[in-house]
């Protein structure tokens, strides 16, 4: 179990680093497991500045996470979408254009859930 948690933490941190390195904005990790136990444990939410940027982030995340052993279960939202979802089962990555993020306000839906910024994710004890 401890090894699984360590591997999981590695995936979350690596995804956040890829998003940060590729200039995603407002990167947040939200622990939604107690609210969505049948769906996922964590959301990673980030803002892209264009559709091209959003799709580049998606491609880089898929490649980088696969390289460290994370298995993509499901993906949605390509081409003309304003929101891309990458479902890795234990965590789901949401890459959104600013207007979509402001409209859907995912952070507010789970306002009681623990959350971390990109910087706080790396300071968090596992």
N, C-alpha and C. Protein backbone atom coordinates (compact mmCIF):
# COMPACT_ATOMS: atom_id res chain seq x y z
N UNK A 1 0.82 -1.19 0.00
CA UNK A 1 0.00 0.00 0.00
C UNK A 1 0.86 1.26 0.00
N UNK A 2 1.88 1.31 0.83
CA UNK A 2 2.75 2.49 0.88
C UNK A 2 3.43 2.71 -0.46
N UNK A 3 3.81 1.63 -1.12
CA UNK A 3 4.44 1.74 -2.43
C UNK A 3 3.46 2.32 -3.45
N UNK A 4 2.19 1.89 -3.40
CA UNK A 4 1.17 2.43 -4.30
C UNK A 4 0.98 3.92 -4.06
N UNK A 5 0.95 4.34 -2.80
CA UNK A 5 0.79 5.75 -2.48
C UNK A 5 1.97 6.56 -2.98
N UNK A 6 3.17 6.00 -2.85
CA UNK A 6 4.37 6.69 -3.32
C UNK A 6 4.31 6.84 -4.84
N UNK A 7 3.92 5.78 -5.54
CA UNK A 7 3.81 5.83 -6.99
C UNK A 7 2.74 6.83 -7.41
N UNK A 8 1.62 6.82 -6.71
CA UNK A 8 0.53 7.74 -7.01
C UNK A 8 0.98 9.19 -6.83
N UNK A 9 1.65 9.47 -5.73
CA UNK A 9 2.15 10.81 -5.48
C UNK A 9 3.11 11.24 -6.59
N UNK A 10 3.92 10.32 -7.05
CA UNK A 10 4.83 10.60 -8.16
C UNK A 10 4.05 11.02 -9.39
N UNK A 11 2.96 10.32 -9.70
CA UNK A 11 2.15 10.66 -10.87
C UNK A 11 1.56 12.06 -10.75
N UNK A 12 0.99 12.37 -9.59
CA UNK A 12 0.38 13.69 -9.36
C UNK A 12 1.43 14.79 -9.52
N UNK A 13 2.54 14.62 -8.85
CA UNK A 13 3.60 15.64 -8.91
C UNK A 13 4.16 15.78 -10.31
N UNK A 14 4.34 14.67 -11.00
CA UNK A 14 4.88 14.73 -12.36
C UNK A 14 3.90 15.43 -13.29
N UNK A 15 2.63 15.13 -13.17
CA UNK A 15 1.62 15.80 -14.01
C UNK A 15 1.64 17.31 -13.75
N UNK A 16 1.71 17.70 -12.49
CA UNK A 16 1.76 19.13 -12.17
C UNK A 16 3.01 19.79 -12.73
N UNK A 17 4.13 19.09 -12.66
CA UNK A 17 5.38 19.65 -13.20
C UNK A 17 5.30 19.82 -14.71
N UNK A 18 4.74 18.83 -15.41
CA UNK A 18 4.58 18.94 -16.86
C UNK A 18 3.70 20.14 -17.19
N UNK A 19 2.59 20.28 -16.50
CA UNK A 19 1.70 21.42 -16.73
C UNK A 19 2.43 22.74 -16.49
N UNK A 20 3.17 22.83 -15.40
CA UNK A 20 3.91 24.05 -15.07
C UNK A 20 4.97 24.34 -16.13
N UNK A 21 5.75 23.32 -16.48
CA UNK A 21 6.83 23.50 -17.46
C UNK A 21 6.30 23.93 -18.82
N UNK A 22 5.09 23.52 -19.15
CA UNK A 22 4.49 23.85 -20.45
C UNK A 22 3.56 25.06 -20.36
N UNK A 23 3.73 25.83 -19.29
CA UNK A 23 3.07 27.13 -19.14
C UNK A 23 1.56 27.09 -18.90
N UNK A 24 1.05 26.00 -18.34
CA UNK A 24 -0.35 26.00 -17.89
C UNK A 24 -0.45 26.97 -16.71
N UNK A 25 -1.62 27.52 -16.51
CA UNK A 25 -1.82 28.49 -15.43
C UNK A 25 -2.79 27.94 -14.38
N UNK A 26 -2.73 28.52 -13.20
CA UNK A 26 -3.66 28.21 -12.11
C UNK A 26 -3.79 26.70 -11.87
N UNK A 27 -2.67 26.03 -11.70
CA UNK A 27 -2.66 24.58 -11.48
C UNK A 27 -3.09 24.30 -10.04
N UNK A 28 -4.12 23.47 -9.91
CA UNK A 28 -4.63 23.11 -8.58
C UNK A 28 -4.85 21.61 -8.51
N UNK A 29 -4.59 21.05 -7.35
CA UNK A 29 -4.92 19.65 -7.05
C UNK A 29 -6.00 19.68 -5.98
N UNK A 30 -7.10 18.97 -6.23
CA UNK A 30 -8.22 18.93 -5.29
C UNK A 30 -8.49 17.48 -4.91
N UNK A 31 -8.54 17.21 -3.62
CA UNK A 31 -8.82 15.86 -3.13
C UNK A 31 -10.34 15.67 -3.06
N UNK A 32 -10.89 14.99 -4.07
CA UNK A 32 -12.35 14.83 -4.18
C UNK A 32 -12.83 13.42 -3.82
N UNK A 33 -11.94 12.57 -3.36
CA UNK A 33 -12.27 11.18 -3.10
C UNK A 33 -13.45 10.95 -2.18
N UNK A 34 -13.59 11.75 -1.12
CA UNK A 34 -14.72 11.52 -0.21
C UNK A 34 -16.04 12.00 -0.82
N UNK A 35 -15.96 12.84 -1.85
CA UNK A 35 -17.16 13.31 -2.53
C UNK A 35 -17.51 12.46 -3.75
N UNK A 36 -16.50 11.87 -4.37
CA UNK A 36 -16.68 11.08 -5.60
C UNK A 36 -15.97 9.74 -5.49
N UNK A 37 -16.27 8.93 -4.46
CA UNK A 37 -15.49 7.71 -4.22
C UNK A 37 -15.52 6.70 -5.36
N UNK A 38 -16.58 6.65 -6.14
CA UNK A 38 -16.63 5.69 -7.25
C UNK A 38 -15.97 6.23 -8.51
N UNK A 39 -15.57 7.48 -8.49
CA UNK A 39 -15.03 8.09 -9.71
C UNK A 39 -13.52 8.28 -9.63
N UNK A 40 -13.04 9.01 -8.63
CA UNK A 40 -11.61 9.31 -8.54
C UNK A 40 -11.26 9.82 -7.15
N UNK A 41 -9.98 9.95 -6.89
CA UNK A 41 -9.51 10.50 -5.62
C UNK A 41 -9.12 11.98 -5.73
N UNK A 42 -8.54 12.34 -6.87
CA UNK A 42 -8.03 13.70 -7.04
C UNK A 42 -8.39 14.26 -8.40
N UNK A 43 -8.59 15.57 -8.44
CA UNK A 43 -8.65 16.33 -9.68
C UNK A 43 -7.39 17.17 -9.76
N UNK A 44 -6.82 17.26 -10.94
CA UNK A 44 -5.81 18.27 -11.23
C UNK A 44 -6.47 19.18 -12.25
N UNK A 45 -6.53 20.46 -11.95
CA UNK A 45 -7.18 21.42 -12.84
C UNK A 45 -6.16 22.46 -13.26
N UNK A 46 -6.13 22.77 -14.56
CA UNK A 46 -5.20 23.77 -15.07
C UNK A 46 -5.86 24.55 -16.20
N UNK A 47 -5.38 25.76 -16.40
CA UNK A 47 -5.91 26.63 -17.45
C UNK A 47 -4.90 26.72 -18.59
N UNK A 48 -5.41 26.57 -19.82
CA UNK A 48 -4.61 26.74 -21.04
C UNK A 48 -5.00 28.08 -21.66
N UNK A 49 -4.07 28.69 -22.41
CA UNK A 49 -4.37 30.01 -22.97
C UNK A 49 -4.93 29.97 -24.39
N UNK A 50 -5.03 28.78 -25.00
CA UNK A 50 -5.62 28.64 -26.33
C UNK A 50 -5.94 27.17 -26.56
N UNK A 51 -6.71 26.89 -27.61
CA UNK A 51 -7.01 25.49 -27.94
C UNK A 51 -5.73 24.74 -28.31
N UNK A 52 -4.84 25.41 -29.03
CA UNK A 52 -3.58 24.78 -29.41
C UNK A 52 -2.75 24.45 -28.18
N UNK A 53 -2.69 25.38 -27.24
CA UNK A 53 -1.96 25.17 -26.00
C UNK A 53 -2.59 24.01 -25.21
N UNK A 54 -3.91 23.98 -25.15
CA UNK A 54 -4.62 22.91 -24.44
C UNK A 54 -4.28 21.55 -25.03
N UNK A 55 -4.29 21.43 -26.34
CA UNK A 55 -3.98 20.15 -26.98
C UNK A 55 -2.51 19.78 -26.84
N UNK A 56 -1.62 20.78 -26.83
CA UNK A 56 -0.20 20.50 -26.60
C UNK A 56 0.00 19.99 -25.17
N UNK A 57 -0.67 20.60 -24.21
CA UNK A 57 -0.59 20.13 -22.82
C UNK A 57 -1.08 18.69 -22.72
N UNK A 58 -2.18 18.39 -23.37
CA UNK A 58 -2.72 17.03 -23.37
C UNK A 58 -1.70 16.04 -23.91
N UNK A 59 -1.13 16.34 -25.06
CA UNK A 59 -0.15 15.43 -25.67
C UNK A 59 1.06 15.22 -24.77
N UNK A 60 1.59 16.30 -24.22
CA UNK A 60 2.76 16.19 -23.33
C UNK A 60 2.43 15.38 -22.08
N UNK A 61 1.27 15.61 -21.50
CA UNK A 61 0.88 14.84 -20.32
C UNK A 61 0.76 13.36 -20.64
N UNK A 62 0.09 13.03 -21.73
CA UNK A 62 -0.06 11.62 -22.11
C UNK A 62 1.30 10.95 -22.28
N UNK A 63 2.21 11.62 -22.98
CA UNK A 63 3.55 11.05 -23.21
C UNK A 63 4.35 10.92 -21.92
N UNK A 64 4.39 12.00 -21.16
CA UNK A 64 5.21 12.02 -19.94
C UNK A 64 4.68 11.06 -18.87
N UNK A 65 3.38 10.99 -18.69
CA UNK A 65 2.83 10.08 -17.69
C UNK A 65 2.97 8.63 -18.12
N UNK A 66 2.80 8.35 -19.40
CA UNK A 66 3.01 6.98 -19.89
C UNK A 66 4.46 6.55 -19.66
N UNK A 67 5.38 7.48 -19.83
CA UNK A 67 6.81 7.17 -19.67
C UNK A 67 7.16 6.75 -18.25
N UNK A 68 6.36 7.19 -17.26
CA UNK A 68 6.65 6.79 -15.88
C UNK A 68 5.66 5.73 -15.37
N UNK A 69 4.85 5.18 -16.28
CA UNK A 69 4.01 4.04 -15.92
C UNK A 69 2.56 4.33 -15.59
N UNK A 70 2.10 5.56 -15.76
CA UNK A 70 0.68 5.87 -15.52
C UNK A 70 -0.13 5.41 -16.73
N UNK A 71 -1.28 4.82 -16.47
CA UNK A 71 -2.11 4.28 -17.56
C UNK A 71 -3.36 5.14 -17.74
N UNK A 72 -3.48 5.73 -18.92
CA UNK A 72 -4.65 6.54 -19.25
C UNK A 72 -5.84 5.63 -19.47
N UNK A 73 -6.88 5.83 -18.69
CA UNK A 73 -8.09 5.01 -18.78
C UNK A 73 -9.05 5.56 -19.83
N UNK A 74 -9.18 6.88 -19.89
CA UNK A 74 -10.19 7.49 -20.75
C UNK A 74 -9.81 8.95 -20.99
N UNK A 75 -10.09 9.44 -22.19
CA UNK A 75 -9.84 10.85 -22.51
C UNK A 75 -11.02 11.42 -23.28
N UNK A 76 -11.29 12.69 -23.05
CA UNK A 76 -12.38 13.38 -23.75
C UNK A 76 -11.97 14.80 -24.08
N UNK A 77 -12.61 15.34 -25.12
CA UNK A 77 -12.48 16.75 -25.43
C UNK A 77 -11.29 17.09 -26.29
N UNK A 78 -11.40 16.87 -27.57
CA UNK A 78 -10.31 17.21 -28.49
C UNK A 78 -10.83 18.17 -29.55
N UNK A 79 -10.00 18.53 -30.45
CA UNK A 79 -10.31 19.42 -31.59
C UNK A 79 -10.99 20.71 -31.18
N UNK A 80 -12.32 20.76 -31.21
CA UNK A 80 -13.03 22.02 -30.97
C UNK A 80 -13.45 22.22 -29.51
N UNK A 81 -12.99 21.39 -28.64
CA UNK A 81 -13.40 21.46 -27.24
C UNK A 81 -12.74 22.63 -26.52
N UNK A 82 -13.35 23.04 -25.43
CA UNK A 82 -12.81 24.09 -24.58
C UNK A 82 -12.32 23.51 -23.25
N UNK A 83 -12.36 22.15 -23.19
CA UNK A 83 -12.02 21.45 -21.95
C UNK A 83 -11.56 20.06 -22.34
N UNK A 84 -10.39 19.67 -21.87
CA UNK A 84 -9.87 18.32 -22.10
C UNK A 84 -9.83 17.61 -20.76
N UNK A 85 -10.26 16.35 -20.76
CA UNK A 85 -10.27 15.54 -19.55
C UNK A 85 -9.42 14.30 -19.81
N UNK A 86 -8.47 14.04 -18.92
CA UNK A 86 -7.64 12.83 -18.98
C UNK A 86 -7.88 12.05 -17.69
N UNK A 87 -8.48 10.88 -17.81
CA UNK A 87 -8.87 10.08 -16.66
C UNK A 87 -7.86 8.96 -16.44
N UNK A 88 -7.11 9.07 -15.34
CA UNK A 88 -6.15 8.05 -14.95
C UNK A 88 -6.69 7.22 -13.79
N UNK A 89 -8.00 7.21 -13.63
CA UNK A 89 -8.76 6.52 -12.58
C UNK A 89 -8.53 7.10 -11.19
N UNK A 90 -7.33 7.01 -10.63
CA UNK A 90 -7.09 7.56 -9.29
C UNK A 90 -7.02 9.08 -9.30
N UNK A 91 -6.75 9.65 -10.46
CA UNK A 91 -6.76 11.10 -10.61
C UNK A 91 -7.24 11.45 -12.01
N UNK A 92 -7.90 12.59 -12.11
CA UNK A 92 -8.41 13.08 -13.39
C UNK A 92 -7.82 14.46 -13.62
N UNK A 93 -7.29 14.66 -14.81
CA UNK A 93 -6.72 15.96 -15.17
C UNK A 93 -7.72 16.70 -16.05
N UNK A 94 -8.04 17.93 -15.65
CA UNK A 94 -8.92 18.81 -16.41
C UNK A 94 -8.07 19.96 -16.93
N UNK A 95 -7.97 20.10 -18.24
CA UNK A 95 -7.29 21.24 -18.84
C UNK A 95 -8.37 22.06 -19.52
N UNK A 96 -8.51 23.30 -19.09
CA UNK A 96 -9.64 24.11 -19.55
C UNK A 96 -9.16 25.46 -20.08
N UNK A 97 -9.87 25.96 -21.08
CA UNK A 97 -9.67 27.34 -21.48
C UNK A 97 -10.26 28.22 -20.38
N UNK A 98 -9.75 29.43 -20.26
CA UNK A 98 -10.15 30.30 -19.16
C UNK A 98 -11.67 30.50 -19.08
N UNK A 99 -12.32 30.74 -20.21
CA UNK A 99 -13.77 30.98 -20.15
C UNK A 99 -14.53 29.74 -19.67
N UNK A 100 -14.08 28.56 -20.06
CA UNK A 100 -14.72 27.32 -19.60
C UNK A 100 -14.49 27.13 -18.10
N UNK A 101 -13.29 27.42 -17.65
CA UNK A 101 -13.00 27.26 -16.22
C UNK A 101 -13.83 28.24 -15.38
N UNK A 102 -13.96 29.45 -15.86
CA UNK A 102 -14.77 30.43 -15.14
C UNK A 102 -16.25 30.06 -15.17
N UNK A 103 -16.71 29.46 -16.25
CA UNK A 103 -18.11 29.08 -16.37
C UNK A 103 -18.45 27.88 -15.48
N UNK A 104 -17.63 26.82 -15.55
CA UNK A 104 -17.94 25.58 -14.81
C UNK A 104 -17.53 25.64 -13.34
N UNK A 105 -16.51 26.40 -13.01
CA UNK A 105 -16.06 26.62 -11.63
C UNK A 105 -15.99 25.32 -10.81
N UNK A 106 -15.24 24.37 -11.31
CA UNK A 106 -15.12 23.07 -10.63
C UNK A 106 -14.66 23.21 -9.19
N UNK A 107 -13.75 24.14 -8.95
CA UNK A 107 -13.24 24.32 -7.58
C UNK A 107 -14.37 24.64 -6.60
N UNK A 108 -15.37 25.37 -7.06
CA UNK A 108 -16.47 25.75 -6.17
C UNK A 108 -17.42 24.60 -5.89
N UNK A 109 -17.51 23.64 -6.80
CA UNK A 109 -18.39 22.49 -6.57
C UNK A 109 -17.94 21.66 -5.38
N UNK A 110 -16.64 21.62 -5.15
CA UNK A 110 -16.08 20.88 -4.03
C UNK A 110 -15.28 21.84 -3.15
N UNK A 111 -15.93 22.90 -2.72
CA UNK A 111 -15.24 23.95 -1.97
C UNK A 111 -14.75 23.47 -0.60
N UNK A 112 -15.32 22.40 -0.07
CA UNK A 112 -14.88 21.86 1.22
C UNK A 112 -13.73 20.88 1.10
N UNK A 113 -13.37 20.53 -0.12
CA UNK A 113 -12.31 19.54 -0.34
C UNK A 113 -10.93 20.15 -0.14
N UNK A 114 -10.00 19.37 0.44
CA UNK A 114 -8.62 19.85 0.54
C UNK A 114 -8.06 20.13 -0.85
N UNK A 115 -7.23 21.16 -0.96
CA UNK A 115 -6.68 21.53 -2.26
C UNK A 115 -5.28 22.11 -2.10
N UNK A 116 -4.52 22.02 -3.17
CA UNK A 116 -3.16 22.51 -3.17
C UNK A 116 -2.88 23.21 -4.49
N UNK A 117 -2.06 24.25 -4.44
CA UNK A 117 -1.56 24.87 -5.66
C UNK A 117 -0.39 24.03 -6.17
N UNK A 118 0.13 24.40 -7.31
CA UNK A 118 1.30 23.70 -7.86
C UNK A 118 2.43 23.69 -6.83
N UNK A 119 2.74 24.86 -6.28
CA UNK A 119 3.85 24.97 -5.33
C UNK A 119 3.59 24.13 -4.07
N UNK A 120 2.38 24.17 -3.57
CA UNK A 120 2.04 23.41 -2.36
C UNK A 120 2.07 21.91 -2.59
N UNK A 121 1.80 21.48 -3.81
CA UNK A 121 1.83 20.05 -4.13
C UNK A 121 3.21 19.47 -3.87
N UNK A 122 4.25 20.25 -4.16
CA UNK A 122 5.61 19.75 -3.98
C UNK A 122 6.09 19.85 -2.54
N UNK A 123 5.42 20.65 -1.73
CA UNK A 123 5.77 20.75 -0.31
C UNK A 123 5.01 19.74 0.53
N UNK A 124 3.96 19.17 -0.04
CA UNK A 124 3.08 18.27 0.71
C UNK A 124 3.82 16.99 1.10
N UNK A 125 3.63 16.59 2.35
CA UNK A 125 4.20 15.33 2.83
C UNK A 125 3.32 14.18 2.36
N UNK A 126 3.92 13.10 1.91
CA UNK A 126 3.16 11.93 1.44
C UNK A 126 3.06 10.89 2.53
